[in-house]
C-alpha atoms as a PDB file:
ATOM      1  CA  MET A   1       8.734 -57.363 -50.552  1.00  0.00           C
ATOM      2  CA  ASN A   2       8.961 -54.802 -47.657  1.00  0.00           C
ATOM      3  CA  SER A   3       5.960 -54.258 -45.692  1.00  0.00           C
ATOM      4  CA  PRO A   4       4.758 -50.530 -45.300  1.00  0.00           C
ATOM      5  CA  ARG A   5       5.796 -48.680 -42.374  1.00  0.00           C
ATOM      6  CA  THR A   6       3.136 -47.761 -39.891  1.00  0.00           C
ATOM      7  CA  GLU A   7       3.448 -44.439 -38.132  1.00  0.00           C
ATOM      8  CA  ARG A   8       1.461 -42.930 -35.410  1.00  0.00           C
ATOM      9  CA  PHE A   9       1.949 -40.225 -32.640  1.00  0.00           C
ATOM     10  CA  ILE A  10       1.495 -40.386 -28.970  1.00  0.00           C
ATOM     11  CA  GLY A  11       1.236 -37.116 -26.795  1.00  0.00           C
ATOM     12  CA  GLY A  12       0.345 -35.301 -23.618  1.00  0.00           C
ATOM     13  CA  PRO A  13       1.630 -35.245 -20.235  1.00  0.00           C
ATOM     14  CA  ASN A  14       3.361 -38.652 -20.413  1.00  0.00           C
ATOM     15  CA  GLU A  15       5.901 -39.966 -17.945  1.00  0.00           C
ATOM     16  CA  PHE A  16       6.840 -42.728 -20.459  1.00  0.00           C
ATOM     17  CA  LEU A  17       7.770 -39.968 -23.107  1.00  0.00           C
ATOM     18  CA  TYR A  18       9.661 -37.968 -20.468  1.00  0.00           C
ATOM     19  CA  GLU A  19      11.723 -40.859 -19.361  1.00  0.00           C
ATOM     20  CA  TRP A  20      12.573 -41.997 -22.745  1.00  0.00           C
ATOM     21  CA  LEU A  21      13.699 -38.261 -23.736  1.00  0.00           C
ATOM     22  CA  ASN A  22      15.628 -37.962 -20.609  1.00  0.00           C
ATOM     23  CA  GLU A  23      17.645 -41.126 -21.198  1.00  0.00           C
ATOM     24  CA  ARG A  24      18.970 -39.474 -24.366  1.00  0.00           C
ATOM     25  CA  ILE A  25      19.401 -35.746 -23.409  1.00  0.00           C
ATOM     26  CA  THR A  26      19.196 -35.701 -19.517  1.00  0.00           C
ATOM     27  CA  LEU A  27      16.347 -33.241 -18.677  1.00  0.00           C
ATOM     28  CA  ALA A  28      16.106 -31.677 -15.340  1.00  0.00           C
ATOM     29  CA  ARG A  29      13.179 -33.159 -13.465  1.00  0.00           C
ATOM     30  CA  CYS A  30      10.035 -31.208 -14.197  1.00  0.00           C
ATOM     31  CA  GLU A  31       6.444 -31.774 -13.182  1.00  0.00           C
ATOM     32  CA  ASP A  32       5.028 -29.998 -16.272  1.00  0.00           C
ATOM     33  CA  PHE A  33       6.454 -32.087 -19.153  1.00  0.00           C
ATOM     34  CA  ARG A  34       4.345 -32.474 -22.236  1.00  0.00           C
ATOM     35  CA  GLY A  35       5.393 -34.234 -25.286  1.00  0.00           C
ATOM     36  CA  ILE A  36       4.744 -35.973 -28.581  1.00  0.00           C
ATOM     37  CA  GLY A  37       6.322 -39.170 -29.735  1.00  0.00           C
ATOM     38  CA  ARG A  38       6.667 -40.841 -33.042  1.00  0.00           C
ATOM     39  CA  VAL A  39       6.024 -44.572 -33.076  1.00  0.00           C
ATOM     40  CA  VAL A  40       7.195 -46.446 -36.210  1.00  0.00           C
ATOM     41  CA  ASN A  41       6.104 -50.017 -36.404  1.00  0.00           C
ATOM     42  CA  GLY A  42       5.176 -50.274 -32.826  1.00  0.00           C
ATOM     43  CA  VAL A  43       8.624 -48.638 -31.719  1.00  0.00           C
ATOM     44  CA  LEU A  44       9.208 -45.218 -30.301  1.00  0.00           C
ATOM     45  CA  VAL A  45      11.924 -43.538 -32.218  1.00  0.00           C
ATOM     46  CA  GLY A  46      11.392 -39.912 -31.486  1.00  0.00           C
ATOM     47  CA  VAL A  47      10.281 -37.423 -28.954  1.00  0.00           C
ATOM     48  CA  VAL A  48       9.831 -33.717 -28.957  1.00  0.00           C
ATOM     49  CA  GLY A  49       9.071 -32.448 -25.346  1.00  0.00           C
ATOM     50  CA  PHE A  50       8.216 -29.128 -23.730  1.00  0.00           C
ATOM     51  CA  THR A  51       9.002 -27.862 -20.276  1.00  0.00           C
ATOM     52  CA  GLY A  52       8.687 -24.700 -18.516  1.00  0.00           C
ATOM     53  CA  HIS A  53       5.295 -23.609 -19.640  1.00  0.00           C
ATOM     54  CA  ASN A  54       4.170 -20.142 -18.617  1.00  0.00           C
ATOM     55  CA  GLY A  55       0.834 -19.976 -20.688  1.00  0.00           C
ATOM     56  CA  ALA A  56       2.641 -18.258 -23.831  1.00  0.00           C
ATOM     57  CA  SER A  57       5.960 -20.209 -24.231  1.00  0.00           C
ATOM     58  CA  ALA A  58       7.745 -23.311 -23.250  1.00  0.00           C
ATOM     59  CA  GLN A  59      11.145 -24.687 -23.840  1.00  0.00           C
ATOM     60  CA  MET A  60      11.352 -27.390 -26.581  1.00  0.00           C
ATOM     61  CA  HIS A  61      13.670 -30.487 -26.449  1.00  0.00           C
ATOM     62  CA  MET A  62      14.111 -33.329 -28.963  1.00  0.00           C
ATOM     63  CA  ALA A  63      15.844 -36.643 -29.488  1.00  0.00           C
ATOM     64  CA  GLY A  64      15.592 -39.603 -31.751  1.00  0.00           C
ATOM     65  CA  GLU A  65      16.985 -42.932 -32.635  1.00  0.00           C
ATOM     66  CA  GLY A  66      18.257 -44.198 -35.969  1.00  0.00           C
ATOM     67  CA  LYS A  67      18.629 -42.274 -39.127  1.00  0.00           C
ATOM     68  CA  HIS A  68      15.007 -42.013 -39.910  1.00  0.00           C
ATOM     69  CA  TRP A  69      13.533 -41.042 -36.429  1.00  0.00           C
ATOM     70  CA  ILE A  70      12.306 -37.585 -37.811  1.00  0.00           C
ATOM     71  CA  SER A  71      10.023 -37.248 -40.691  1.00  0.00           C
ATOM     72  CA  ARG A  72       8.126 -34.056 -42.173  1.00  0.00           C
ATOM     73  CA  LYS A  73       4.873 -35.464 -40.664  1.00  0.00           C
ATOM     74  CA  PHE A  74       6.378 -35.720 -37.199  1.00  0.00           C
ATOM     75  CA  ILE A  75       7.780 -32.011 -37.561  1.00  0.00           C
ATOM     76  CA  ARG A  76       4.395 -30.719 -38.487  1.00  0.00           C
ATOM     77  CA  GLU A  77       2.657 -32.850 -35.687  1.00  0.00           C
ATOM     78  CA  SER A  78       5.172 -31.460 -33.153  1.00  0.00           C
ATOM     79  CA  PHE A  79       4.646 -27.947 -34.015  1.00  0.00           C
ATOM     80  CA  LYS A  80       0.980 -28.447 -34.315  1.00  0.00           C
ATOM     81  CA  TYR A  81       1.111 -29.741 -30.579  1.00  0.00           C
ATOM     82  CA  ALA A  82       3.161 -26.768 -29.553  1.00  0.00           C
ATOM     83  CA  PHE A  83       1.342 -23.969 -31.080  1.00  0.00           C
ATOM     84  CA  VAL A  84      -2.279 -25.318 -31.535  1.00  0.00           C
ATOM     85  CA  THR A  85      -2.740 -27.958 -28.678  1.00  0.00           C
ATOM     86  CA  CYS A  86      -0.794 -26.297 -26.041  1.00  0.00           C
ATOM     87  CA  GLY A  87      -1.468 -22.768 -27.550  1.00  0.00           C
ATOM     88  CA  TYR A  88       2.126 -21.371 -27.219  1.00  0.00           C
ATOM     89  CA  ASN A  89       3.056 -18.188 -28.886  1.00  0.00           C
ATOM     90  CA  VAL A  90       6.735 -18.908 -28.796  1.00  0.00           C
ATOM     91  CA  VAL A  91       8.959 -22.062 -28.378  1.00  0.00           C
ATOM     92  CA  PHE A  92      12.535 -21.785 -27.665  1.00  0.00           C
ATOM     93  CA  GLY A  93      15.750 -24.000 -27.040  1.00  0.00           C
ATOM     94  CA  LEU A  94      18.940 -23.587 -25.297  1.00  0.00           C
ATOM     95  CA  VAL A  95      21.687 -25.508 -27.508  1.00  0.00           C
ATOM     96  CA  PRO A  96      25.289 -25.830 -26.512  1.00  0.00           C
ATOM     97  CA  SER A  97      27.697 -24.744 -29.269  1.00  0.00           C
ATOM     98  CA  GLY A  98      29.386 -28.335 -29.300  1.00  0.00           C
ATOM     99  CA  ASN A  99      26.001 -29.714 -30.303  1.00  0.00           C
ATOM    100  CA  THR A 100      26.394 -28.771 -34.020  1.00  0.00           C
ATOM    101  CA  VAL A 101      23.778 -31.685 -35.058  1.00  0.00           C
ATOM    102  CA  ALA A 102      21.203 -30.188 -33.032  1.00  0.00           C
ATOM    103  CA  LEU A 103      22.078 -26.478 -34.115  1.00  0.00           C
ATOM    104  CA  ASP A 104      21.755 -27.592 -37.709  1.00  0.00           C
ATOM    105  CA  ILE A 105      18.381 -29.421 -37.190  1.00  0.00           C
ATOM    106  CA  ASP A 106      16.977 -26.251 -35.477  1.00  0.00           C
ATOM    107  CA  TYR A 107      18.263 -23.656 -37.960  1.00  0.00           C
ATOM    108  CA  ARG A 108      16.767 -25.923 -40.805  1.00  0.00           C
ATOM    109  CA  LEU A 109      13.285 -26.137 -38.949  1.00  0.00           C
ATOM    110  CA  GLY A 110      13.323 -22.403 -38.822  1.00  0.00           C
ATOM    111  CA  PHE A 111      14.565 -21.443 -35.322  1.00  0.00           C
ATOM    112  CA  LYS A 112      16.138 -18.025 -34.992  1.00  0.00           C
ATOM    113  CA  GLU A 113      18.999 -17.288 -32.806  1.00  0.00           C
ATOM    114  CA  VAL A 114      18.191 -14.672 -30.176  1.00  0.00           C
ATOM    115  CA  ALA A 115      21.397 -14.573 -28.219  1.00  0.00           C
ATOM    116  CA  THR A 116      24.608 -16.482 -27.716  1.00  0.00           C
ATOM    117  CA  ILE A 117      26.031 -16.510 -24.224  1.00  0.00           C
ATOM    118  CA  ALA A 118      29.769 -17.192 -24.324  1.00  0.00           C
ATOM    119  CA  ASP A 119      31.133 -19.567 -21.658  1.00  0.00           C
ATOM    120  CA  ALA A 120      27.634 -20.673 -20.530  1.00  0.00           C
ATOM    121  CA  HIS A 121      28.203 -24.339 -21.176  1.00  0.00           C
ATOM    122  CA  PRO A 122      31.029 -26.725 -20.743  1.00  0.00           C
ATOM    123  CA  ASP A 123      31.097 -27.122 -24.600  1.00  0.00           C
ATOM    124  CA  GLY A 124      31.501 -23.372 -24.857  1.00  0.00           C
ATOM    125  CA  ALA A 125      28.758 -21.068 -25.803  1.00  0.00           C
ATOM    126  CA  LEU A 126      24.922 -21.516 -25.102  1.00  0.00           C
ATOM    127  CA  HIS A 127      22.653 -20.580 -27.980  1.00  0.00           C
ATOM    128  CA  PHE A 128      19.239 -19.304 -27.203  1.00  0.00           C
ATOM    129  CA  LEU A 129      17.025 -19.939 -30.303  1.00  0.00           C
ATOM    130  CA  MET A 130      13.311 -19.254 -30.716  1.00  0.00           C
ATOM    131  CA  MET A 131      10.280 -19.831 -33.002  1.00  0.00           C
ATOM    132  CA  ARG A 132       7.149 -17.784 -33.046  1.00  0.00           C
ATOM    133  CA  ARG A 133       3.786 -19.246 -33.943  1.00  0.00           C
ATOM    134  CA  GLU A 134       3.346 -16.757 -36.832  1.00  0.00           C
ATOM    135  CA  ASP A 135       6.886 -17.667 -38.247  1.00  0.00           C
ATOM    136  CA  CYS A 136       6.302 -21.462 -38.153  1.00  0.00           C
ATOM    137  CA  ARG A 137       6.194 -22.717 -41.755  1.00  0.00           C
ATOM    138  CA  TRP A 138       5.184 -26.205 -40.523  1.00  0.00           C
ATOM    139  CA  LEU A 139       1.649 -25.203 -39.523  1.00  0.00           C
ATOM    140  CA  GLY A 140       0.368 -24.659 -43.002  1.00  0.00           C
END
């Protein structure tokens, strides 16, 4: 019989979360990183991080490992962290057109495209996506 999976979340200004995320998506070095990680059965499987804080917004980054790194609970906790704990009004992402998996995830989460900048990335265009607190269906 399978044992139940245990799930917990860790967060805050955390160097370990930054390093884990950086190994997967190569973040520019930043001193203001904040993030939340999903730990399943004692193993970190996903991180959502925030950089470029200005008091009202921040850029959101995410990565995970395995097929089941993301869960509805992790999504809710991530947006709660962004909009409630950190107090952002807006989170945004810059996604290259070649990263169709990330674009698909972001659109399904409810991000809206603000602009597309042609030739702004080696993969082609760069998509500027955002989500406002009042539009986030994950906070309810």
